[in-house]
């Protein structure tokens, strides 16, 4: 039986996929919800520990936007709403 990839491995894969499409315009970082680093992201911390949203939580500029899974389409939509193009350049 093949083990499912961990959330950390999924985040690394997401980072590679986004880098191929958007170039240097994105940065994906995995942060364990039980690590002290969570204190740096109070809104994500609240979402996980107060609002009990499903993991993983995907945040953009520290703001939680997607929870419960890694959906490349939803992430791409959010990046494009923020003006990021496939070439990695911001528009407007």
PDB file of N, CA and C in Angstrom:
ATOM      1  N   UNK A   1       0.840  -1.177   0.000  1.00  0.00           N
ATOM      2  CA  UNK A   1       0.000   0.000   0.000  1.00  0.00           C
ATOM      3  C   UNK A   1       0.888   1.244   0.000  1.00  0.00           C
ATOM      4  N   UNK A   2       0.548   2.207  -0.852  1.00  0.00           N
ATOM      5  CA  UNK A   2       1.300   3.447  -0.960  1.00  0.00           C
ATOM      6  C   UNK A   2       0.728   4.465   0.011  1.00  0.00           C
ATOM      7  N   UNK A   3       1.605   5.072   0.800  1.00  0.00           N
ATOM      8  CA  UNK A   3       1.163   6.066   1.769  1.00  0.00           C
ATOM      9  C   UNK A   3       0.791   7.364   1.059  1.00  0.00           C
ATOM     10  N   UNK A   4      -0.242   8.013   1.565  1.00  0.00           N
ATOM     11  CA  UNK A   4      -0.631   9.320   1.027  1.00  0.00           C
ATOM     12  C   UNK A   4       0.419  10.345   1.406  1.00  0.00           C
ATOM     13  N   UNK A   5       0.647  11.333   0.543  1.00  0.00           N
ATOM     14  CA  UNK A   5       1.635  12.357   0.894  1.00  0.00           C
ATOM     15  C   UNK A   5       1.160  13.181   2.092  1.00  0.00           C
ATOM     16  N   UNK A   6       2.102  13.564   2.921  1.00  0.00           N
ATOM     17  CA  UNK A   6       1.778  14.403   4.078  1.00  0.00           C
ATOM     18  C   UNK A   6       1.391  15.800   3.610  1.00  0.00           C
ATOM     19  N   UNK A   7       0.809  16.594   4.489  1.00  0.00           N
ATOM     20  CA  UNK A   7       0.473  17.974   4.132  1.00  0.00           C
ATOM     21  C   UNK A   7       1.729  18.750   3.770  1.00  0.00           C
ATOM     22  N   UNK A   8       2.829  18.456   4.440  1.00  0.00           N
ATOM     23  CA  UNK A   8       4.086  19.141   4.123  1.00  0.00           C
ATOM     24  C   UNK A   8       4.535  18.796   2.701  1.00  0.00           C
ATOM     25  N   UNK A   9       4.420  17.519   2.334  1.00  0.00           N
ATOM     26  CA  UNK A   9       4.777  17.103   0.978  1.00  0.00           C
ATOM     27  C   UNK A   9       3.825  17.711  -0.052  1.00  0.00           C
ATOM     28  N   UNK A  10       2.543  17.789   0.292  1.00  0.00           N
ATOM     29  CA  UNK A  10       1.573  18.406  -0.609  1.00  0.00           C
ATOM     30  C   UNK A  10       1.871  19.891  -0.804  1.00  0.00           C
ATOM     31  N   UNK A  11       2.283  20.565   0.266  1.00  0.00           N
ATOM     32  CA  UNK A  11       2.633  21.987   0.169  1.00  0.00           C
ATOM     33  C   UNK A  11       3.852  22.166  -0.728  1.00  0.00           C
ATOM     34  N   UNK A  12       4.842  21.293  -0.593  1.00  0.00           N
ATOM     35  CA  UNK A  12       6.040  21.372  -1.441  1.00  0.00           C
ATOM     36  C   UNK A  12       5.665  21.165  -2.903  1.00  0.00           C
ATOM     37  N   UNK A  13       4.785  20.200  -3.167  1.00  0.00           N
ATOM     38  CA  UNK A  13       4.334  19.947  -4.535  1.00  0.00           C
ATOM     39  C   UNK A  13       3.573  21.163  -5.072  1.00  0.00           C
ATOM     40  N   UNK A  14       2.718  21.746  -4.253  1.00  0.00           N
ATOM     41  CA  UNK A  14       1.990  22.950  -4.646  1.00  0.00           C
ATOM     42  C   UNK A  14       2.959  24.064  -5.008  1.00  0.00           C
ATOM     43  N   UNK A  15       3.987  24.252  -4.197  1.00  0.00           N
ATOM     44  CA  UNK A  15       4.984  25.287  -4.463  1.00  0.00           C
ATOM     45  C   UNK A  15       5.662  25.083  -5.811  1.00  0.00           C
ATOM     46  N   UNK A  16       6.011  23.836  -6.123  1.00  0.00           N
ATOM     47  CA  UNK A  16       6.649  23.529  -7.413  1.00  0.00           C
ATOM     48  C   UNK A  16       5.698  23.802  -8.574  1.00  0.00           C
ATOM     49  N   UNK A  17       4.438  23.397  -8.414  1.00  0.00           N
ATOM     50  CA  UNK A  17       3.457  23.595  -9.482  1.00  0.00           C
ATOM     51  C   UNK A  17       3.190  25.074  -9.726  1.00  0.00           C
ATOM     52  N   UNK A  18       3.036  25.834  -8.656  1.00  0.00           N
ATOM     53  CA  UNK A  18       2.789  27.267  -8.811  1.00  0.00           C
ATOM     54  C   UNK A  18       4.007  27.976  -9.393  1.00  0.00           C
ATOM     55  N   UNK A  19       5.212  27.556  -9.000  1.00  0.00           N
ATOM     56  CA  UNK A  19       6.430  28.167  -9.530  1.00  0.00           C
ATOM     57  C   UNK A  19       6.553  27.922 -11.034  1.00  0.00           C
ATOM     58  N   UNK A  20       6.176  26.733 -11.478  1.00  0.00           N
ATOM     59  CA  UNK A  20       6.210  26.444 -12.919  1.00  0.00           C
ATOM     60  C   UNK A  20       5.260  27.368 -13.678  1.00  0.00           C
ATOM     61  N   UNK A  21       4.113  27.651 -13.103  1.00  0.00           N
ATOM     62  CA  UNK A  21       3.108  28.440 -13.796  1.00  0.00           C
ATOM     63  C   UNK A  21       3.281  29.949 -13.600  1.00  0.00           C
ATOM     64  N   UNK A  22       3.580  30.356 -12.364  1.00  0.00           N
ATOM     65  CA  UNK A  22       3.644  31.779 -12.042  1.00  0.00           C
ATOM     66  C   UNK A  22       5.067  32.306 -11.883  1.00  0.00           C
ATOM     67  N   UNK A  23       6.050  31.463 -11.993  1.00  0.00           N
ATOM     68  CA  UNK A  23       7.427  31.910 -11.821  1.00  0.00           C
ATOM     69  C   UNK A  23       7.702  32.284 -10.365  1.00  0.00           C
ATOM     70  N   UNK A  24       8.449  33.354 -10.175  1.00  0.00           N
ATOM     71  CA  UNK A  24       8.820  33.770  -8.819  1.00  0.00           C
ATOM     72  C   UNK A  24       7.728  34.571  -8.127  1.00  0.00           C
ATOM     73  N   UNK A  25       6.551  34.642  -8.722  1.00  0.00           N
ATOM     74  CA  UNK A  25       5.468  35.455  -8.164  1.00  0.00           C
ATOM     75  C   UNK A  25       4.781  34.856  -6.964  1.00  0.00           C
ATOM     76  N   UNK A  26       5.119  33.615  -6.610  1.00  0.00           N
ATOM     77  CA  UNK A  26       4.463  32.969  -5.468  1.00  0.00           C
ATOM     78  C   UNK A  26       5.505  32.391  -4.509  1.00  0.00           C
ATOM     79  N   UNK A  27       5.084  32.217  -3.285  1.00  0.00           N
ATOM     80  CA  UNK A  27       5.920  31.577  -2.273  1.00  0.00           C
ATOM     81  C   UNK A  27       5.007  30.716  -1.418  1.00  0.00           C
ATOM     82  N   UNK A  28       5.263  29.424  -1.378  1.00  0.00           N
ATOM     83  CA  UNK A  28       4.460  28.500  -0.591  1.00  0.00           C
ATOM     84  C   UNK A  28       5.283  28.059   0.604  1.00  0.00           C
ATOM     85  N   UNK A  29       4.700  28.178   1.780  1.00  0.00           N
ATOM     86  CA  UNK A  29       5.386  27.770   3.001  1.00  0.00           C
ATOM     87  C   UNK A  29       4.449  26.899   3.829  1.00  0.00           C
ATOM     88  N   UNK A  30       4.938  25.746   4.230  1.00  0.00           N
ATOM     89  CA  UNK A  30       4.190  24.859   5.116  1.00  0.00           C
ATOM     90  C   UNK A  30       4.482  25.260   6.550  1.00  0.00           C
ATOM     91  N   UNK A  31       3.437  25.441   7.332  1.00  0.00           N
ATOM     92  CA  UNK A  31       3.604  25.749   8.754  1.00  0.00           C
ATOM     93  C   UNK A  31       2.718  24.794   9.545  1.00  0.00           C
ATOM     94  N   UNK A  32       3.333  24.002  10.395  1.00  0.00           N
ATOM     95  CA  UNK A  32       2.597  23.069  11.242  1.00  0.00           C
ATOM     96  C   UNK A  32       1.755  23.870  12.230  1.00  0.00           C
ATOM     97  N   UNK A  33       0.489  23.502  12.372  1.00  0.00           N
ATOM     98  CA  UNK A  33      -0.405  24.283  13.241  1.00  0.00           C
ATOM     99  C   UNK A  33       0.006  24.238  14.713  1.00  0.00           C
ATOM    100  N   UNK A  34       0.828  23.278  15.087  1.00  0.00           N
ATOM    101  CA  UNK A  34       1.272  23.191  16.484  1.00  0.00           C
ATOM    102  C   UNK A  34       2.653  23.805  16.705  1.00  0.00           C
ATOM    103  N   UNK A  35       3.202  24.433  15.671  1.00  0.00           N
ATOM    104  CA  UNK A  35       4.511  25.061  15.826  1.00  0.00           C
ATOM    105  C   UNK A  35       4.344  26.482  16.368  1.00  0.00           C
ATOM    106  N   UNK A  36       5.368  27.009  17.016  1.00  0.00           N
ATOM    107  CA  UNK A  36       5.315  28.386  17.509  1.00  0.00           C
ATOM    108  C   UNK A  36       5.109  29.417  16.395  1.00  0.00           C
ATOM    109  N   UNK A  37       5.443  29.062  15.155  1.00  0.00           N
ATOM    110  CA  UNK A  37       5.259  29.979  14.019  1.00  0.00           C
ATOM    111  C   UNK A  37       3.801  30.386  13.825  1.00  0.00           C
ATOM    112  N   UNK A  38       2.866  29.553  14.279  1.00  0.00           N
ATOM    113  CA  UNK A  38       1.450  29.889  14.121  1.00  0.00           C
ATOM    114  C   UNK A  38       1.114  31.216  14.797  1.00  0.00           C
ATOM    115  N   UNK A  39       1.877  31.587  15.817  1.00  0.00           N
ATOM    116  CA  UNK A  39       1.644  32.867  16.491  1.00  0.00           C
ATOM    117  C   UNK A  39       1.856  34.050  15.556  1.00  0.00           C
ATOM    118  N   UNK A  40       2.612  33.845  14.485  1.00  0.00           N
ATOM    119  CA  UNK A  40       2.867  34.899  13.503  1.00  0.00           C
ATOM    120  C   UNK A  40       1.674  35.117  12.578  1.00  0.00           C
ATOM    121  N   UNK A  41       0.706  34.223  12.638  1.00  0.00           N
ATOM    122  CA  UNK A  41      -0.453  34.272  11.757  1.00  0.00           C
ATOM    123  C   UNK A  41      -1.737  34.198  12.583  1.00  0.00           C
ATOM    124  N   UNK A  42      -2.071  35.282  13.290  1.00  0.00           N
ATOM    125  CA  UNK A  42      -3.202  35.239  14.225  1.00  0.00           C
ATOM    126  C   UNK A  42      -4.538  34.889  13.577  1.00  0.00           C
ATOM    127  N   UNK A  43      -4.779  35.310  12.356  1.00  0.00           N
ATOM    128  CA  UNK A  43      -6.055  34.976  11.719  1.00  0.00           C
ATOM    129  C   UNK A  43      -6.141  33.496  11.379  1.00  0.00           C
ATOM    130  N   UNK A  44      -5.045  32.924  10.896  1.00  0.00           N
ATOM    131  CA  UNK A  44      -5.018  31.494  10.618  1.00  0.00           C
ATOM    132  C   UNK A  44      -5.114  30.704  11.926  1.00  0.00           C
ATOM    133  N   UNK A  45      -4.444  31.177  12.964  1.00  0.00           N
ATOM    134  CA  UNK A  45      -4.506  30.529  14.275  1.00  0.00           C
ATOM    135  C   UNK A  45      -5.950  30.504  14.770  1.00  0.00           C
ATOM    136  N   UNK A  46      -6.645  31.631  14.644  1.00  0.00           N
ATOM    137  CA  UNK A  46      -8.044  31.716  15.075  1.00  0.00           C
ATOM    138  C   UNK A  46      -8.913  30.777  14.247  1.00  0.00           C
ATOM    139  N   UNK A  47      -8.688  30.736  12.941  1.00  0.00           N
ATOM    140  CA  UNK A  47      -9.475  29.865  12.070  1.00  0.00           C
ATOM    141  C   UNK A  47      -9.346  28.402  12.482  1.00  0.00           C
ATOM    142  N   UNK A  48      -8.131  27.991  12.805  1.00  0.00           N
ATOM    143  CA  UNK A  48      -7.887  26.593  13.153  1.00  0.00           C
ATOM    144  C   UNK A  48      -8.369  26.262  14.565  1.00  0.00           C
ATOM    145  N   UNK A  49      -8.016  27.097  15.530  1.00  0.00           N
ATOM    146  CA  UNK A  49      -8.250  26.730  16.928  1.00  0.00           C
ATOM    147  C   UNK A  49      -9.533  27.279  17.535  1.00  0.00           C
ATOM    148  N   UNK A  50     -10.117  28.302  16.946  1.00  0.00           N
ATOM    149  CA  UNK A  50     -11.362  28.855  17.479  1.00  0.00           C
ATOM    150  C   UNK A  50     -12.543  28.468  16.593  1.00  0.00           C
ATOM    151  N   UNK A  51     -12.348  28.629  15.289  1.00  0.00           N
ATOM    152  CA  UNK A  51     -13.437  28.361  14.359  1.00  0.00           C
ATOM    153  C   UNK A  51     -13.467  26.906  13.883  1.00  0.00           C
ATOM    154  N   UNK A  52     -12.428  26.148  14.220  1.00  0.00           N
ATOM    155  CA  UNK A  52     -12.335  24.721  13.879  1.00  0.00           C
ATOM    156  C   UNK A  52     -12.497  24.429  12.394  1.00  0.00           C
ATOM    157  N   UNK A  53     -11.894  25.268  11.538  1.00  0.00           N
ATOM    158  CA  UNK A  53     -11.954  24.981  10.108  1.00  0.00           C
ATOM    159  C   UNK A  53     -11.091  23.756   9.799  1.00  0.00           C
ATOM    160  N   UNK A  54     -11.417  23.097   8.728  1.00  0.00           N
ATOM    161  CA  UNK A  54     -10.683  21.899   8.329  1.00  0.00           C
ATOM    162  C   UNK A  54      -9.323  22.283   7.758  1.00  0.00           C
ATOM    163  N   UNK A  55      -8.341  21.430   8.040  1.00  0.00           N
ATOM    164  CA  UNK A  55      -7.007  21.612   7.488  1.00  0.00           C
ATOM    165  C   UNK A  55      -6.947  20.997   6.104  1.00  0.00           C
ATOM    166  N   UNK A  56      -6.075  21.485   5.259  1.00  0.00           N
ATOM    167  CA  UNK A  56      -5.157  22.595   5.472  1.00  0.00           C
ATOM    168  C   UNK A  56      -5.859  23.940   5.297  1.00  0.00           C
ATOM    169  N   UNK A  57      -5.240  24.963   5.867  1.00  0.00           N
ATOM    170  CA  UNK A  57      -5.698  26.331   5.675  1.00  0.00           C
ATOM    171  C   UNK A  57      -4.709  27.000   4.727  1.00  0.00           C
ATOM    172  N   UNK A  58      -5.219  27.552   3.653  1.00  0.00           N
ATOM    173  CA  UNK A  58      -4.382  28.248   2.680  1.00  0.00           C
ATOM    174  C   UNK A  58      -4.570  29.739   2.919  1.00  0.00           C
ATOM    175  N   UNK A  59      -3.470  30.422   3.181  1.00  0.00           N
ATOM    176  CA  UNK A  59      -3.533  31.865   3.439  1.00  0.00           C
ATOM    177  C   UNK A  59      -2.775  32.612   2.349  1.00  0.00           C
ATOM    178  N   UNK A  60      -3.230  33.806   2.072  1.00  0.00           N
ATOM    179  CA  UNK A  60      -2.581  34.701   1.120  1.00  0.00           C
ATOM    180  C   UNK A  60      -2.214  35.956   1.886  1.00  0.00           C
ATOM    181  N   UNK A  61      -0.928  36.282   1.914  1.00  0.00           N
ATOM    182  CA  UNK A  61      -0.449  37.436   2.673  1.00  0.00           C
ATOM    183  C   UNK A  61      -0.932  37.381   4.120  1.00  0.00           C
ATOM    184  N   UNK A  62      -0.940  36.180   4.694  1.00  0.00           N
ATOM    185  CA  UNK A  62      -1.323  35.994   6.090  1.00  0.00           C
ATOM    186  C   UNK A  62      -2.815  35.934   6.341  1.00  0.00           C
ATOM    187  N   UNK A  63      -3.626  36.083   5.302  1.00  0.00           N
ATOM    188  CA  UNK A  63      -5.081  36.068   5.442  1.00  0.00           C
ATOM    189  C   UNK A  63      -5.626  34.711   4.997  1.00  0.00           C
ATOM    190  N   UNK A  64      -6.244  33.944   5.897  1.00  0.00           N
ATOM    191  CA  UNK A  64      -6.812  32.653   5.499  1.00  0.00           C
ATOM    192  C   UNK A  64      -7.903  32.853   4.445  1.00  0.00           C
ATOM    193  N   UNK A  65      -7.830  32.081   3.369  1.00  0.00           N
ATOM    194  CA  UNK A  65      -8.798  32.223   2.274  1.00  0.00           C
ATOM    195  C   UNK A  65      -9.446  30.904   1.882  1.00  0.00           C
ATOM    196  N   UNK A  66      -8.723  29.788   2.012  1.00  0.00           N
ATOM    197  CA  UNK A  66      -9.228  28.483   1.584  1.00  0.00           C
ATOM    198  C   UNK A  66      -8.937  27.485   2.704  1.00  0.00           C
ATOM    199  N   UNK A  67      -9.896  26.610   2.978  1.00  0.00           N
ATOM    200  CA  UNK A  67      -9.678  25.598   4.015  1.00  0.00           C
ATOM    201  C   UNK A  67     -10.243  24.261   3.555  1.00  0.00           C
ATOM    202  N   UNK A  68      -9.637  23.203   4.062  1.00  0.00           N
ATOM    203  CA  UNK A  68     -10.158  21.871   3.834  1.00  0.00           C
ATOM    204  C   UNK A  68      -9.549  21.100   2.689  1.00  0.00           C
ATOM    205  N   UNK A  69      -8.655  21.716   1.940  1.00  0.00           N
ATOM    206  CA  UNK A  69      -8.032  21.002   0.837  1.00  0.00           C
ATOM    207  C   UNK A  69      -7.153  21.920   0.012  1.00  0.00           C
ATOM    208  N   UNK A  70      -6.358  21.306  -0.828  1.00  0.00           N
ATOM    209  CA  UNK A  70      -5.493  22.066  -1.720  1.00  0.00           C
ATOM    210  C   UNK A  70      -6.076  21.929  -3.117  1.00  0.00           C
ATOM    211  N   UNK A  71      -6.772  22.963  -3.548  1.00  0.00           N
ATOM    212  CA  UNK A  71      -7.385  22.972  -4.876  1.00  0.00           C
ATOM    213  C   UNK A  71      -6.654  23.999  -5.724  1.00  0.00           C
ATOM    214  N   UNK A  72      -5.859  23.519  -6.657  1.00  0.00           N
ATOM    215  CA  UNK A  72      -5.031  24.404  -7.478  1.00  0.00           C
ATOM    216  C   UNK A  72      -5.882  25.432  -8.215  1.00  0.00           C
ATOM    217  N   UNK A  73      -7.089  25.055  -8.633  1.00  0.00           N
ATOM    218  CA  UNK A  73      -7.947  25.991  -9.348  1.00  0.00           C
ATOM    219  C   UNK A  73      -8.354  27.154  -8.450  1.00  0.00           C
ATOM    220  N   UNK A  74      -8.729  26.859  -7.218  1.00  0.00           N
ATOM    221  CA  UNK A  74      -9.128  27.917  -6.283  1.00  0.00           C
ATOM    222  C   UNK A  74      -7.945  28.824  -5.946  1.00  0.00           C
ATOM    223  N   UNK A  75      -6.785  28.227  -5.800  1.00  0.00           N
ATOM    224  CA  UNK A  75      -5.581  29.001  -5.489  1.00  0.00           C
ATOM    225  C   UNK A  75      -5.226  29.898  -6.674  1.00  0.00           C
ATOM    226  N   UNK A  76      -5.286  29.347  -7.888  1.00  0.00           N
ATOM    227  CA  UNK A  76      -5.006  30.145  -9.085  1.00  0.00           C
ATOM    228  C   UNK A  76      -5.999  31.291  -9.221  1.00  0.00           C
ATOM    229  N   UNK A  77      -7.271  31.023  -8.960  1.00  0.00           N
ATOM    230  CA  UNK A  77      -8.287  32.083  -9.018  1.00  0.00           C
ATOM    231  C   UNK A  77      -7.940  33.209  -8.054  1.00  0.00           C
ATOM    232  N   UNK A  78      -7.545  32.848  -6.834  1.00  0.00           N
ATOM    233  CA  UNK A  78      -7.197  33.860  -5.829  1.00  0.00           C
ATOM    234  C   UNK A  78      -5.967  34.652  -6.259  1.00  0.00           C
ATOM    235  N   UNK A  79      -4.974  33.968  -6.802  1.00  0.00           N
ATOM    236  CA  UNK A  79      -3.767  34.664  -7.260  1.00  0.00           C
ATOM    237  C   UNK A  79      -4.096  35.623  -8.407  1.00  0.00           C
ATOM    238  N   UNK A  80      -4.946  35.183  -9.303  1.00  0.00           N
ATOM    239  CA  UNK A  80      -5.305  36.038 -10.427  1.00  0.00           C
ATOM    240  C   UNK A  80      -6.156  37.225  -9.981  1.00  0.00           C
ATOM    241  N   UNK A  81      -7.005  37.037  -8.965  1.00  0.00           N
ATOM    242  CA  UNK A  81      -7.755  38.162  -8.395  1.00  0.00           C
ATOM    243  C   UNK A  81      -6.805  39.208  -7.830  1.00  0.00           C
ATOM    244  N   UNK A  82      -5.661  38.735  -7.367  1.00  0.00           N
ATOM    245  CA  UNK A  82      -4.657  39.628  -6.802  1.00  0.00           C
ATOM    246  C   UNK A  82      -3.740  40.213  -7.874  1.00  0.00           C
ATOM    247  N   UNK A  83      -4.024  39.914  -9.144  1.00  0.00           N
ATOM    248  CA  UNK A  83      -3.289  40.517 -10.248  1.00  0.00           C
ATOM    249  C   UNK A  83      -2.065  39.750 -10.703  1.00  0.00           C
ATOM    250  N   UNK A  84      -1.888  38.511 -10.250  1.00  0.00           N
ATOM    251  CA  UNK A  84      -0.727  37.738 -10.671  1.00  0.00           C
ATOM    252  C   UNK A  84      -1.041  37.031 -11.976  1.00  0.00           C
ATOM    253  N   UNK A  85      -0.160  37.150 -12.943  1.00  0.00           N
ATOM    254  CA  UNK A  85      -0.372  36.500 -14.225  1.00  0.00           C
ATOM    255  C   UNK A  85       0.496  35.246 -14.317  1.00  0.00           C
ATOM    256  N   UNK A  86       0.240  34.479 -15.348  1.00  0.00           N
ATOM    257  CA  UNK A  86       1.002  33.238 -15.542  1.00  0.00           C
ATOM    258  C   UNK A  86       2.493  33.500 -15.680  1.00  0.00           C
ATOM    259  N   UNK A  87       2.869  34.668 -16.104  1.00  0.00           N
ATOM    260  CA  UNK A  87       4.288  34.984 -16.242  1.00  0.00           C
ATOM    261  C   UNK A  87       4.927  35.386 -14.912  1.00  0.00           C
ATOM    262  N   UNK A  88       4.105  35.530 -13.860  1.00  0.00           N
ATOM    263  CA  UNK A  88       4.631  35.923 -12.561  1.00  0.00           C
ATOM    264  C   UNK A  88       4.659  37.422 -12.357  1.00  0.00           C
ATOM    265  N   UNK A  89       4.121  38.187 -13.308  1.00  0.00           N
ATOM    266  CA  UNK A  89       4.113  39.642 -13.171  1.00  0.00           C
ATOM    267  C   UNK A  89       2.729  40.105 -12.737  1.00  0.00           C
ATOM    268  N   UNK A  90       2.717  41.151 -11.938  1.00  0.00           N
ATOM    269  CA  UNK A  90       1.445  41.739 -11.529  1.00  0.00           C
ATOM    270  C   UNK A  90       0.937  42.658 -12.621  1.00  0.00           C
ATOM    271  N   UNK A  91      -0.363  42.673 -12.771  1.00  0.00           N
ATOM    272  CA  UNK A  91      -0.970  43.589 -13.739  1.00  0.00           C
ATOM    273  C   UNK A  91      -1.665  44.710 -13.004  1.00  0.00           C
ATOM    274  N   UNK A  92      -1.740  45.864 -13.654  1.00  0.00           N
ATOM    275  CA  UNK A  92      -2.472  47.001 -13.087  1.00  0.00           C
ATOM    276  C   UNK A  92      -1.783  47.740 -12.068  1.00  0.00           C
TER     277      UNK A  92
END
